[in-house]
Amino acid sequence: MSRKPTFGAFNQGGVPTIACFNKATTPLGVDLGALIAAMQVFVDRHIAPVWGTPARLVRSKGFVKGAWAMVFLDDADQPGALAYHDLTPDGLPQSKVFVKTTIENHDLVSVSESHELVEMLVDPAINMMTTGPDPRTIYAYESADPVEALSFRVNGIPMSDFVYPSYFEDFHKAGSVQFDRLKKIRRPFQILAGGYQIIFKNGTWSQVFGSAAKKRRFAREDRRGHRSEQRATRRLRRASTRDIAGAVRRGR
């Protein structure tokens, strides 16, 4: 029997609350309260006016009923990490930031977190796709991947660059409109040297890279628990607080 994809949909007519909580033992490199405050400005002043995706971020100690989630973990090997799965226990969107992995990749936690935040707000069910310059290819609506090496400061804290809706509209001519926050993209579907794009072609998900160096770096990264892996599995699973607690007790 062939597997069928499982699709998710969330009410984007309201303003979601996103519960942000830290389960990592590795230092974030930034005060969590200051980071959440900067992320709120990032959403209010930069993301929502462009994408129409407002949100209210709150600090918490764990999942909050009815709220989306942003959880900080050490890495995919941290006891209980993989039990967080893809959605909150209520079946709502969730993003994970692997702090130790991020730092080992010589990246900033604030940039990785803001990257995950904008992509969750734009495509919370991890199922949005579009056509583009290659008629045989479907392009994933990942709004930070093509420019992920770039950042700008919000409240003094680095935040990820991200693309605008025009990036996914192939009818725009080069230089005719703004395609990303930092105005580095010149045409639709352009991938900068430090970025990549997830595509679906010939029945398979894969990546197109902005440079050979980015391709080599990507190959060395631990992608477990990332959106690219969730998209490829074609199903989203809810987190179970019981499973997480059990995995922590067992140390795996």
C-alpha atoms as a PDB file:
ATOM      1  CA  MET A   1       0.000   0.000   0.000  1.00  0.00           C
ATOM      2  CA  SER A   2       1.434   3.391  -0.959  1.00  0.00           C
ATOM      3  CA  ARG A   3       2.007   5.994   1.703  1.00  0.00           C
ATOM      4  CA  LYS A   4      -0.123   9.106   1.506  1.00  0.00           C
ATOM      5  CA  PRO A   5       1.069  12.477   2.794  1.00  0.00           C
ATOM      6  CA  THR A   6      -0.466  13.845   5.967  1.00  0.00           C
ATOM      7  CA  PHE A   7      -1.327  17.518   5.641  1.00  0.00           C
ATOM      8  CA  GLY A   8      -1.646  19.994   8.478  1.00  0.00           C
ATOM      9  CA  ALA A   9      -3.498  23.285   8.610  1.00  0.00           C
ATOM     10  CA  PHE A  10      -3.639  25.943  11.297  1.00  0.00           C
ATOM     11  CA  ASN A  11      -5.852  28.936  11.904  1.00  0.00           C
ATOM     12  CA  GLN A  12      -3.824  31.887  10.661  1.00  0.00           C
ATOM     13  CA  GLY A  13      -6.706  34.315  11.073  1.00  0.00           C
ATOM     14  CA  GLY A  14      -5.815  34.979  14.693  1.00  0.00           C
ATOM     15  CA  VAL A  15      -2.632  35.978  16.468  1.00  0.00           C
ATOM     16  CA  PRO A  16      -0.859  32.929  17.882  1.00  0.00           C
ATOM     17  CA  THR A  17       0.932  32.915  21.203  1.00  0.00           C
ATOM     18  CA  ILE A  18       4.359  31.261  20.985  1.00  0.00           C
ATOM     19  CA  ALA A  19       5.692  29.799  24.230  1.00  0.00           C
ATOM     20  CA  CYS A  20       9.503  30.016  24.300  1.00  0.00           C
ATOM     21  CA  PHE A  21      11.315  27.746  26.724  1.00  0.00           C
ATOM     22  CA  ASN A  22      14.865  26.560  27.245  1.00  0.00           C
ATOM     23  CA  LYS A  23      15.743  22.907  27.903  1.00  0.00           C
ATOM     24  CA  ALA A  24      19.372  23.227  26.786  1.00  0.00           C
ATOM     25  CA  THR A  25      22.290  22.944  29.175  1.00  0.00           C
ATOM     26  CA  THR A  26      24.580  24.710  26.700  1.00  0.00           C
ATOM     27  CA  PRO A  27      24.653  28.502  27.245  1.00  0.00           C
ATOM     28  CA  LEU A  28      22.681  30.368  24.592  1.00  0.00           C
ATOM     29  CA  GLY A  29      25.259  33.133  24.320  1.00  0.00           C
ATOM     30  CA  VAL A  30      22.502  35.681  24.899  1.00  0.00           C
ATOM     31  CA  ASP A  31      20.040  36.381  27.713  1.00  0.00           C
ATOM     32  CA  LEU A  32      16.807  34.520  26.964  1.00  0.00           C
ATOM     33  CA  GLY A  33      14.581  37.399  28.094  1.00  0.00           C
ATOM     34  CA  ALA A  34      16.459  39.866  25.893  1.00  0.00           C
ATOM     35  CA  LEU A  35      16.301  37.413  23.000  1.00  0.00           C
ATOM     36  CA  ILE A  36      12.527  36.999  23.309  1.00  0.00           C
ATOM     37  CA  ALA A  37      12.081  40.787  23.460  1.00  0.00           C
ATOM     38  CA  ALA A  38      14.195  41.210  20.327  1.00  0.00           C
ATOM     39  CA  MET A  39      12.251  38.455  18.564  1.00  0.00           C
ATOM     40  CA  GLN A  40       9.005  40.246  19.359  1.00  0.00           C
ATOM     41  CA  VAL A  41      10.338  43.386  17.679  1.00  0.00           C
ATOM     42  CA  PHE A  42      11.588  41.206  14.814  1.00  0.00           C
ATOM     43  CA  VAL A  43       8.033  39.918  14.308  1.00  0.00           C
ATOM     44  CA  ASP A  44       6.232  43.235  14.854  1.00  0.00           C
ATOM     45  CA  ARG A  45       8.440  45.498  12.747  1.00  0.00           C
ATOM     46  CA  HIS A  46       9.901  43.206  10.121  1.00  0.00           C
ATOM     47  CA  ILE A  47       7.977  39.961   9.549  1.00  0.00           C
ATOM     48  CA  ALA A  48       4.319  40.818  10.149  1.00  0.00           C
ATOM     49  CA  PRO A  49       4.190  43.947   7.931  1.00  0.00           C
ATOM     50  CA  VAL A  50       5.501  41.893   5.006  1.00  0.00           C
ATOM     51  CA  TRP A  51       3.996  38.440   5.511  1.00  0.00           C
ATOM     52  CA  GLY A  52       0.889  39.334   7.548  1.00  0.00           C
ATOM     53  CA  THR A  53       1.876  36.892  10.296  1.00  0.00           C
ATOM     54  CA  PRO A  54       1.715  38.569  13.736  1.00  0.00           C
ATOM     55  CA  ALA A  55       2.503  36.620  16.897  1.00  0.00           C
ATOM     56  CA  ARG A  56       2.886  37.158  20.626  1.00  0.00           C
ATOM     57  CA  LEU A  57       5.974  35.603  22.181  1.00  0.00           C
ATOM     58  CA  VAL A  58       6.014  34.644  25.867  1.00  0.00           C
ATOM     59  CA  ARG A  59       8.609  33.022  28.086  1.00  0.00           C
ATOM     60  CA  SER A  60       7.541  29.763  29.705  1.00  0.00           C
ATOM     61  CA  LYS A  61       8.923  26.678  31.434  1.00  0.00           C
ATOM     62  CA  GLY A  62       7.351  24.279  28.963  1.00  0.00           C
ATOM     63  CA  PHE A  63       4.417  23.770  26.630  1.00  0.00           C
ATOM     64  CA  VAL A  64       1.467  26.123  27.171  1.00  0.00           C
ATOM     65  CA  LYS A  65      -1.985  24.844  26.292  1.00  0.00           C
ATOM     66  CA  GLY A  66      -3.271  26.449  23.111  1.00  0.00           C
ATOM     67  CA  ALA A  67       0.088  28.037  22.279  1.00  0.00           C
ATOM     68  CA  TRP A  68       2.637  27.343  19.593  1.00  0.00           C
ATOM     69  CA  ALA A  69       6.131  26.528  20.861  1.00  0.00           C
ATOM     70  CA  MET A  70       9.774  27.450  20.403  1.00  0.00           C
ATOM     71  CA  VAL A  71      12.047  25.117  22.367  1.00  0.00           C
ATOM     72  CA  PHE A  72      15.801  25.330  22.855  1.00  0.00           C
ATOM     73  CA  LEU A  73      17.591  21.960  23.117  1.00  0.00           C
ATOM     74  CA  ASP A  74      21.260  20.989  23.172  1.00  0.00           C
ATOM     75  CA  ASP A  75      21.187  18.669  20.159  1.00  0.00           C
ATOM     76  CA  ALA A  76      19.253  15.734  18.738  1.00  0.00           C
ATOM     77  CA  ASP A  77      21.089  13.379  21.129  1.00  0.00           C
ATOM     78  CA  GLN A  78      19.900  15.176  24.273  1.00  0.00           C
ATOM     79  CA  PRO A  79      17.682  12.813  26.288  1.00  0.00           C
ATOM     80  CA  GLY A  80      14.096  13.390  25.193  1.00  0.00           C
ATOM     81  CA  ALA A  81      15.006  15.684  22.294  1.00  0.00           C
ATOM     82  CA  LEU A  82      13.576  13.561  19.503  1.00  0.00           C
ATOM     83  CA  ALA A  83      10.416  12.918  21.563  1.00  0.00           C
ATOM     84  CA  TYR A  84       9.489  16.563  20.968  1.00  0.00           C
ATOM     85  CA  HIS A  85       8.679  15.477  17.420  1.00  0.00           C
ATOM     86  CA  ASP A  86       7.119  18.129  15.143  1.00  0.00           C
ATOM     87  CA  LEU A  87       4.056  19.602  16.883  1.00  0.00           C
ATOM     88  CA  THR A  88       3.054  20.570  20.412  1.00  0.00           C
ATOM     89  CA  PRO A  89       0.941  18.116  22.441  1.00  0.00           C
ATOM     90  CA  ASP A  90      -2.093  20.125  21.248  1.00  0.00           C
ATOM     91  CA  GLY A  91      -1.062  19.555  17.619  1.00  0.00           C
ATOM     92  CA  LEU A  92       0.090  23.141  17.089  1.00  0.00           C
ATOM     93  CA  PRO A  93       3.248  24.390  15.330  1.00  0.00           C
ATOM     94  CA  GLN A  94       6.565  23.985  17.074  1.00  0.00           C
ATOM     95  CA  SER A  95      10.145  24.947  16.236  1.00  0.00           C
ATOM     96  CA  LYS A  96      13.295  23.530  17.786  1.00  0.00           C
ATOM     97  CA  VAL A  97      16.672  25.237  18.095  1.00  0.00           C
ATOM     98  CA  PHE A  98      19.619  22.937  18.772  1.00  0.00           C
ATOM     99  CA  VAL A  99      21.964  25.174  20.746  1.00  0.00           C
ATOM    100  CA  LYS A 100      25.075  22.973  20.957  1.00  0.00           C
ATOM    101  CA  THR A 101      24.788  22.019  17.282  1.00  0.00           C
ATOM    102  CA  THR A 102      24.354  25.667  16.290  1.00  0.00           C
ATOM    103  CA  ILE A 103      27.449  26.755  18.203  1.00  0.00           C
ATOM    104  CA  GLU A 104      29.530  23.851  16.875  1.00  0.00           C
ATOM    105  CA  ASN A 105      28.565  24.999  13.371  1.00  0.00           C
ATOM    106  CA  HIS A 106      29.976  28.444  14.291  1.00  0.00           C
ATOM    107  CA  ASP A 107      26.538  30.029  14.058  1.00  0.00           C
ATOM    108  CA  LEU A 108      24.672  32.272  16.499  1.00  0.00           C
ATOM    109  CA  VAL A 109      21.708  30.958  18.456  1.00  0.00           C
ATOM    110  CA  SER A 110      19.774  34.194  17.869  1.00  0.00           C
ATOM    111  CA  VAL A 111      20.185  33.875  14.094  1.00  0.00           C
ATOM    112  CA  SER A 112      19.189  30.200  14.099  1.00  0.00           C
ATOM    113  CA  GLU A 113      16.195  30.917  16.316  1.00  0.00           C
ATOM    114  CA  SER A 114      14.943  33.859  14.228  1.00  0.00           C
ATOM    115  CA  HIS A 115      15.441  31.720  11.103  1.00  0.00           C
ATOM    116  CA  GLU A 116      13.164  29.039  12.573  1.00  0.00           C
ATOM    117  CA  LEU A 117      10.674  31.639  13.800  1.00  0.00           C
ATOM    118  CA  VAL A 118      10.076  33.320  10.459  1.00  0.00           C
ATOM    119  CA  GLU A 119       9.780  29.988   8.669  1.00  0.00           C
ATOM    120  CA  MET A 120       7.274  28.688  11.231  1.00  0.00           C
ATOM    121  CA  LEU A 121       5.153  31.830  10.903  1.00  0.00           C
ATOM    122  CA  VAL A 122       5.141  31.755   7.095  1.00  0.00           C
ATOM    123  CA  ASP A 123       4.581  28.000   6.709  1.00  0.00           C
ATOM    124  CA  PRO A 124       3.450  26.540  10.058  1.00  0.00           C
ATOM    125  CA  ALA A 125       2.349  23.192   8.610  1.00  0.00           C
ATOM    126  CA  ILE A 126       5.581  22.733   6.602  1.00  0.00           C
ATOM    127  CA  ASN A 127       3.594  21.974   3.458  1.00  0.00           C
ATOM    128  CA  MET A 128       3.559  25.153   1.348  1.00  0.00           C
ATOM    129  CA  MET A 129       5.092  24.823  -2.128  1.00  0.00           C
ATOM    130  CA  THR A 130       5.074  26.735  -5.383  1.00  0.00           C
ATOM    131  CA  THR A 131       6.115  26.523  -8.992  1.00  0.00           C
ATOM    132  CA  GLY A 132       9.098  28.521 -10.212  1.00  0.00           C
ATOM    133  CA  PRO A 133      11.633  29.000 -12.985  1.00  0.00           C
ATOM    134  CA  ASP A 134      11.972  25.264 -13.681  1.00  0.00           C
ATOM    135  CA  PRO A 135       8.535  23.924 -14.725  1.00  0.00           C
ATOM    136  CA  ARG A 136       9.562  20.414 -13.633  1.00  0.00           C
ATOM    137  CA  THR A 137      10.389  21.523 -10.102  1.00  0.00           C
ATOM    138  CA  ILE A 138       8.334  22.415  -7.029  1.00  0.00           C
ATOM    139  CA  TYR A 139       9.924  24.845  -4.567  1.00  0.00           C
ATOM    140  CA  ALA A 140       9.362  24.746  -0.801  1.00  0.00           C
ATOM    141  CA  TYR A 141       8.169  27.929   0.904  1.00  0.00           C
ATOM    142  CA  GLU A 142      11.185  28.208   3.216  1.00  0.00           C
ATOM    143  CA  SER A 143      11.588  31.912   3.842  1.00  0.00           C
ATOM    144  CA  ALA A 144      15.079  32.027   5.393  1.00  0.00           C
ATOM    145  CA  ASP A 145      17.056  29.239   3.711  1.00  0.00           C
ATOM    146  CA  PRO A 146      18.070  31.153   0.542  1.00  0.00           C
ATOM    147  CA  VAL A 147      19.635  33.972   2.618  1.00  0.00           C
ATOM    148  CA  GLU A 148      20.493  32.133   5.828  1.00  0.00           C
ATOM    149  CA  ALA A 149      24.107  33.352   6.013  1.00  0.00           C
ATOM    150  CA  LEU A 150      22.985  36.984   6.404  1.00  0.00           C
ATOM    151  CA  SER A 151      21.734  38.763   9.510  1.00  0.00           C
ATOM    152  CA  PHE A 152      20.858  42.191  10.875  1.00  0.00           C
ATOM    153  CA  ARG A 153      20.522  43.519  14.412  1.00  0.00           C
ATOM    154  CA  VAL A 154      17.280  44.014  16.301  1.00  0.00           C
ATOM    155  CA  ASN A 155      17.661  45.502  19.790  1.00  0.00           C
ATOM    156  CA  GLY A 156      21.371  44.874  19.306  1.00  0.00           C
ATOM    157  CA  ILE A 157      20.875  41.115  18.758  1.00  0.00           C
ATOM    158  CA  PRO A 158      21.553  39.494  15.343  1.00  0.00           C
ATOM    159  CA  MET A 159      18.448  38.203  13.545  1.00  0.00           C
ATOM    160  CA  SER A 160      18.229  36.223  10.324  1.00  0.00           C
ATOM    161  CA  ASP A 161      17.598  37.801   6.970  1.00  0.00           C
ATOM    162  CA  PHE A 162      14.480  36.436   5.243  1.00  0.00           C
ATOM    163  CA  VAL A 163      12.851  36.615   1.832  1.00  0.00           C
ATOM    164  CA  TYR A 164       9.663  38.486   0.957  1.00  0.00           C
ATOM    165  CA  PRO A 165       6.573  36.999  -0.768  1.00  0.00           C
ATOM    166  CA  SER A 166       7.837  38.477  -4.053  1.00  0.00           C
ATOM    167  CA  TYR A 167      10.750  36.028  -3.918  1.00  0.00           C
ATOM    168  CA  PHE A 168       8.341  33.191  -4.764  1.00  0.00           C
ATOM    169  CA  GLU A 169       6.634  35.131  -7.600  1.00  0.00           C
ATOM    170  CA  ASP A 170       8.519  34.290 -10.759  1.00  0.00           C
ATOM    171  CA  PHE A 171       6.857  37.007 -12.859  1.00  0.00           C
ATOM    172  CA  HIS A 172       8.913  39.789 -11.229  1.00  0.00           C
ATOM    173  CA  LYS A 173      11.824  41.165 -13.229  1.00  0.00           C
ATOM    174  CA  ALA A 174      15.267  41.396 -11.660  1.00  0.00           C
ATOM    175  CA  GLY A 175      15.590  44.462  -9.434  1.00  0.00           C
ATOM    176  CA  SER A 176      11.939  45.451  -9.879  1.00  0.00           C
ATOM    177  CA  VAL A 177      10.864  44.953  -6.232  1.00  0.00           C
ATOM    178  CA  GLN A 178      12.392  44.106  -2.871  1.00  0.00           C
ATOM    179  CA  PHE A 179      12.958  40.373  -2.508  1.00  0.00           C
ATOM    180  CA  ASP A 180      14.475  40.104   0.982  1.00  0.00           C
ATOM    181  CA  ARG A 181      14.861  42.191   4.134  1.00  0.00           C
ATOM    182  CA  LEU A 182      18.482  43.172   3.447  1.00  0.00           C
ATOM    183  CA  LYS A 183      17.970  43.802  -0.277  1.00  0.00           C
ATOM    184  CA  LYS A 184      20.663  41.343  -1.325  1.00  0.00           C
ATOM    185  CA  ILE A 185      18.438  39.213  -3.561  1.00  0.00           C
ATOM    186  CA  ARG A 186      18.066  40.621  -7.053  1.00  0.00           C
ATOM    187  CA  ARG A 187      15.558  38.241  -8.653  1.00  0.00           C
ATOM    188  CA  PRO A 188      12.949  35.597  -7.737  1.00  0.00           C
ATOM    189  CA  PHE A 189      14.310  32.235  -6.551  1.00  0.00           C
ATOM    190  CA  GLN A 190      17.903  33.487  -6.404  1.00  0.00           C
ATOM    191  CA  ILE A 191      20.017  31.631  -3.834  1.00  0.00           C
ATOM    192  CA  LEU A 192      22.861  33.523  -2.206  1.00  0.00           C
ATOM    193  CA  ALA A 193      26.255  31.876  -1.738  1.00  0.00           C
ATOM    194  CA  GLY A 194      25.570  30.960   1.886  1.00  0.00           C
ATOM    195  CA  GLY A 195      22.031  29.707   1.286  1.00  0.00           C
ATOM    196  CA  TYR A 196      20.056  26.863  -0.241  1.00  0.00           C
ATOM    197  CA  GLN A 197      16.561  25.985  -1.473  1.00  0.00           C
ATOM    198  CA  ILE A 198      14.540  22.826  -0.836  1.00  0.00           C
ATOM    199  CA  ILE A 199      12.989  21.435  -4.007  1.00  0.00           C
ATOM    200  CA  PHE A 200      10.808  18.511  -5.073  1.00  0.00           C
ATOM    201  CA  LYS A 201      11.760  17.015  -8.429  1.00  0.00           C
ATOM    202  CA  ASN A 202      11.280  13.607 -10.022  1.00  0.00           C
ATOM    203  CA  GLY A 203       9.446  12.391  -6.936  1.00  0.00           C
ATOM    204  CA  THR A 204      12.250  13.273  -4.519  1.00  0.00           C
ATOM    205  CA  TRP A 205      13.014  16.077  -2.058  1.00  0.00           C
ATOM    206  CA  SER A 206      16.513  17.526  -2.368  1.00  0.00           C
ATOM    207  CA  GLN A 207      18.428  20.787  -2.042  1.00  0.00           C
ATOM    208  CA  VAL A 208      19.928  23.303  -4.440  1.00  0.00           C
ATOM    209  CA  PHE A 209      22.864  25.241  -3.004  1.00  0.00           C
ATOM    210  CA  GLY A 210      24.130  28.747  -3.589  1.00  0.00           C
ATOM    211  CA  SER A 211      27.748  27.579  -3.665  1.00  0.00           C
ATOM    212  CA  ALA A 212      29.923  24.473  -3.482  1.00  0.00           C
ATOM    213  CA  ALA A 213      31.140  25.606  -0.069  1.00  0.00           C
ATOM    214  CA  LYS A 214      27.565  25.723   1.254  1.00  0.00           C
ATOM    215  CA  LYS A 215      26.898  22.242  -0.135  1.00  0.00           C
ATOM    216  CA  ARG A 216      29.931  20.832   1.688  1.00  0.00           C
ATOM    217  CA  ARG A 217      28.966  22.547   4.929  1.00  0.00           C
ATOM    218  CA  PHE A 218      25.372  21.338   4.688  1.00  0.00           C
ATOM    219  CA  ALA A 219      26.582  17.752   4.229  1.00  0.00           C
ATOM    220  CA  ARG A 220      28.445  17.942   7.547  1.00  0.00           C
ATOM    221  CA  GLU A 221      25.457  19.251   9.535  1.00  0.00           C
ATOM    222  CA  ASP A 222      23.258  17.133  11.781  1.00  0.00           C
ATOM    223  CA  ARG A 223      19.838  17.649  10.186  1.00  0.00           C
ATOM    224  CA  ARG A 224      17.808  15.506  12.587  1.00  0.00           C
ATOM    225  CA  GLY A 225      14.748  17.355  13.815  1.00  0.00           C
ATOM    226  CA  HIS A 226      15.023  20.134  11.211  1.00  0.00           C
ATOM    227  CA  ARG A 227      12.206  21.339   8.968  1.00  0.00           C
ATOM    228  CA  SER A 228      13.873  19.834   5.887  1.00  0.00           C
ATOM    229  CA  GLU A 229      13.617  16.385   7.465  1.00  0.00           C
ATOM    230  CA  GLN A 230      10.049  16.981   8.636  1.00  0.00           C
ATOM    231  CA  ARG A 231       8.992  18.008   5.127  1.00  0.00           C
ATOM    232  CA  ALA A 232      10.534  14.891   3.602  1.00  0.00           C
ATOM    233  CA  THR A 233       8.752  12.522   6.004  1.00  0.00           C
ATOM    234  CA  ARG A 234       5.375  13.884   4.818  1.00  0.00           C
ATOM    235  CA  ARG A 235       3.801  13.632   8.281  1.00  0.00           C
ATOM    236  CA  LEU A 236       3.897  15.668  11.458  1.00  0.00           C
ATOM    237  CA  ARG A 237       3.787  14.029  14.883  1.00  0.00           C
ATOM    238  CA  ARG A 238       2.660  15.522  18.177  1.00  0.00           C
ATOM    239  CA  ALA A 239       5.004  15.814  21.108  1.00  0.00           C
ATOM    240  CA  SER A 240       4.154  13.737  24.150  1.00  0.00           C
ATOM    241  CA  THR A 241       5.146  15.141  27.545  1.00  0.00           C
ATOM    242  CA  ARG A 242       4.966  11.590  28.927  1.00  0.00           C
ATOM    243  CA  ASP A 243       7.371  10.288  26.269  1.00  0.00           C
ATOM    244  CA  ILE A 244       9.723  13.252  26.807  1.00  0.00           C
ATOM    245  CA  ALA A 245       9.787  12.699  30.577  1.00  0.00           C
ATOM    246  CA  GLY A 246      10.342   8.959  30.101  1.00  0.00           C
ATOM    247  CA  ALA A 247      13.205   9.521  27.671  1.00  0.00           C
ATOM    248  CA  VAL A 248      14.835  11.976  30.077  1.00  0.00           C
ATOM    249  CA  ARG A 249      14.593   9.443  32.921  1.00  0.00           C
ATOM    250  CA  ARG A 250      16.134   6.741  30.742  1.00  0.00           C
ATOM    251  CA  GLY A 251      18.833   9.144  29.555  1.00  0.00           C
ATOM    252  CA  ARG A 252      18.039   8.825  25.845  1.00  0.00           C
END
